[in-house]
Amino acid sequence: MRRSTASTHSWRKSSCSGPGDDDSCIEIATTPTHISVRDSKTPARATLTLRPTPFSAFVTALKTTPYPTF
């Protein structure tokens, strides 16, 4: 993981994000060598930046790992 220069990225928000979800979404920015993700509600805070292969593994884990319900 490396520190991102978030201001130089072109950020995109999910098309699933809409007015009914309180603007709760992530934004993503890609470069030829890295993929960055940030919280759309607090874009100035932490940004997760990974190379494409680890990012793909991260997304796969999110899709396949069961999460506890509270």
C-alpha atoms as a PDB file:
ATOM      1  CA  MET A   1       0.000   0.000   0.000  1.00  0.00           C
ATOM      2  CA  ARG A   2       1.255   3.472  -0.705  1.00  0.00           C
ATOM      3  CA  ARG A   3       0.123   6.971   0.030  1.00  0.00           C
ATOM      4  CA  SER A   4      -2.007   8.464  -2.724  1.00  0.00           C
ATOM      5  CA  THR A   5      -1.967  11.942  -4.159  1.00  0.00           C
ATOM      6  CA  ALA A   6      -5.748  12.146  -4.126  1.00  0.00           C
ATOM      7  CA  SER A   7      -5.963  15.630  -5.593  1.00  0.00           C
ATOM      8  CA  THR A   8      -4.414  14.466  -8.883  1.00  0.00           C
ATOM      9  CA  HIS A   9      -6.936  11.655  -9.419  1.00  0.00           C
ATOM     10  CA  SER A  10     -10.141  11.771 -11.421  1.00  0.00           C
ATOM     11  CA  TRP A  11     -12.668  10.320  -8.955  1.00  0.00           C
ATOM     12  CA  ARG A  12     -15.868   8.465  -9.958  1.00  0.00           C
ATOM     13  CA  LYS A  13     -18.794   7.586  -7.712  1.00  0.00           C
ATOM     14  CA  SER A  14     -20.798   4.389  -8.048  1.00  0.00           C
ATOM     15  CA  SER A  15     -23.863   4.610 -10.275  1.00  0.00           C
ATOM     16  CA  CYS A  16     -25.720   2.794  -7.471  1.00  0.00           C
ATOM     17  CA  SER A  17     -25.296   5.819  -5.237  1.00  0.00           C
ATOM     18  CA  GLY A  18     -28.443   7.902  -5.145  1.00  0.00           C
ATOM     19  CA  PRO A  19     -30.440  10.342  -3.056  1.00  0.00           C
ATOM     20  CA  GLY A  20     -32.050   7.577  -0.973  1.00  0.00           C
ATOM     21  CA  ASP A  21     -28.778   6.330   0.519  1.00  0.00           C
ATOM     22  CA  ASP A  22     -27.701   9.570   2.231  1.00  0.00           C
ATOM     23  CA  ASP A  23     -24.851   9.902  -0.264  1.00  0.00           C
ATOM     24  CA  SER A  24     -23.108   6.943   1.423  1.00  0.00           C
ATOM     25  CA  CYS A  25     -20.803   5.560  -1.200  1.00  0.00           C
ATOM     26  CA  ILE A  26     -17.229   5.046  -2.178  1.00  0.00           C
ATOM     27  CA  GLU A  27     -15.388   6.785  -4.962  1.00  0.00           C
ATOM     28  CA  ILE A  28     -12.740   5.161  -7.112  1.00  0.00           C
ATOM     29  CA  ALA A  29      -9.867   6.536  -9.163  1.00  0.00           C
ATOM     30  CA  THR A  30      -7.591   4.559 -11.437  1.00  0.00           C
ATOM     31  CA  THR A  31      -4.168   5.105 -12.918  1.00  0.00           C
ATOM     32  CA  PRO A  32      -2.217   2.692 -15.109  1.00  0.00           C
ATOM     33  CA  THR A  33      -0.462   1.300 -12.012  1.00  0.00           C
ATOM     34  CA  HIS A  34      -2.827   1.854  -9.043  1.00  0.00           C
ATOM     35  CA  ILE A  35      -6.457   1.892  -7.956  1.00  0.00           C
ATOM     36  CA  SER A  36      -7.561   4.241  -5.169  1.00  0.00           C
ATOM     37  CA  VAL A  37     -10.740   4.130  -3.095  1.00  0.00           C
ATOM     38  CA  ARG A  38     -12.140   6.727  -0.683  1.00  0.00           C
ATOM     39  CA  ASP A  39     -15.311   7.493   1.245  1.00  0.00           C
ATOM     40  CA  SER A  40     -17.505   9.947  -0.658  1.00  0.00           C
ATOM     41  CA  LYS A  41     -18.720  11.556   2.581  1.00  0.00           C
ATOM     42  CA  THR A  42     -15.193  12.403   3.743  1.00  0.00           C
ATOM     43  CA  PRO A  43     -12.976  12.610   0.640  1.00  0.00           C
ATOM     44  CA  ALA A  44     -10.195  14.501   2.428  1.00  0.00           C
ATOM     45  CA  ARG A  45      -9.628  11.629   4.844  1.00  0.00           C
ATOM     46  CA  ALA A  46      -7.826   8.343   4.237  1.00  0.00           C
ATOM     47  CA  THR A  47      -7.507   6.857   0.765  1.00  0.00           C
ATOM     48  CA  LEU A  48      -6.792   3.177   0.136  1.00  0.00           C
ATOM     49  CA  THR A  49      -4.437   2.713  -2.823  1.00  0.00           C
ATOM     50  CA  LEU A  50      -3.455  -0.692  -4.193  1.00  0.00           C
ATOM     51  CA  ARG A  51      -1.923  -2.154  -7.328  1.00  0.00           C
ATOM     52  CA  PRO A  52      -4.459  -3.897  -9.618  1.00  0.00           C
ATOM     53  CA  THR A  53      -3.766  -7.511  -8.540  1.00  0.00           C
ATOM     54  CA  PRO A  54      -4.111  -6.905  -4.775  1.00  0.00           C
ATOM     55  CA  PHE A  55      -7.130  -4.665  -5.456  1.00  0.00           C
ATOM     56  CA  SER A  56      -8.818  -7.490  -7.372  1.00  0.00           C
ATOM     57  CA  ALA A  57      -8.168  -9.865  -4.450  1.00  0.00           C
ATOM     58  CA  PHE A  58      -9.560  -7.248  -2.043  1.00  0.00           C
ATOM     59  CA  VAL A  59     -12.794  -6.898  -4.057  1.00  0.00           C
ATOM     60  CA  THR A  60     -13.146 -10.687  -4.354  1.00  0.00           C
ATOM     61  CA  ALA A  61     -12.767 -11.018  -0.579  1.00  0.00           C
ATOM     62  CA  LEU A  62     -15.425  -8.351  -0.027  1.00  0.00           C
ATOM     63  CA  LYS A  63     -17.829 -10.178  -2.330  1.00  0.00           C
ATOM     64  CA  THR A  64     -17.264 -13.649  -0.870  1.00  0.00           C
ATOM     65  CA  THR A  65     -16.676 -13.107   2.854  1.00  0.00           C
ATOM     66  CA  PRO A  66     -19.783 -13.333   5.033  1.00  0.00           C
ATOM     67  CA  TYR A  67     -20.184 -10.408   7.394  1.00  0.00           C
ATOM     68  CA  PRO A  68     -21.828 -10.624  10.797  1.00  0.00           C
ATOM     69  CA  THR A  69     -25.207  -8.992  11.233  1.00  0.00           C
ATOM     70  CA  PHE A  70     -25.901  -6.949  14.314  1.00  0.00           C
END
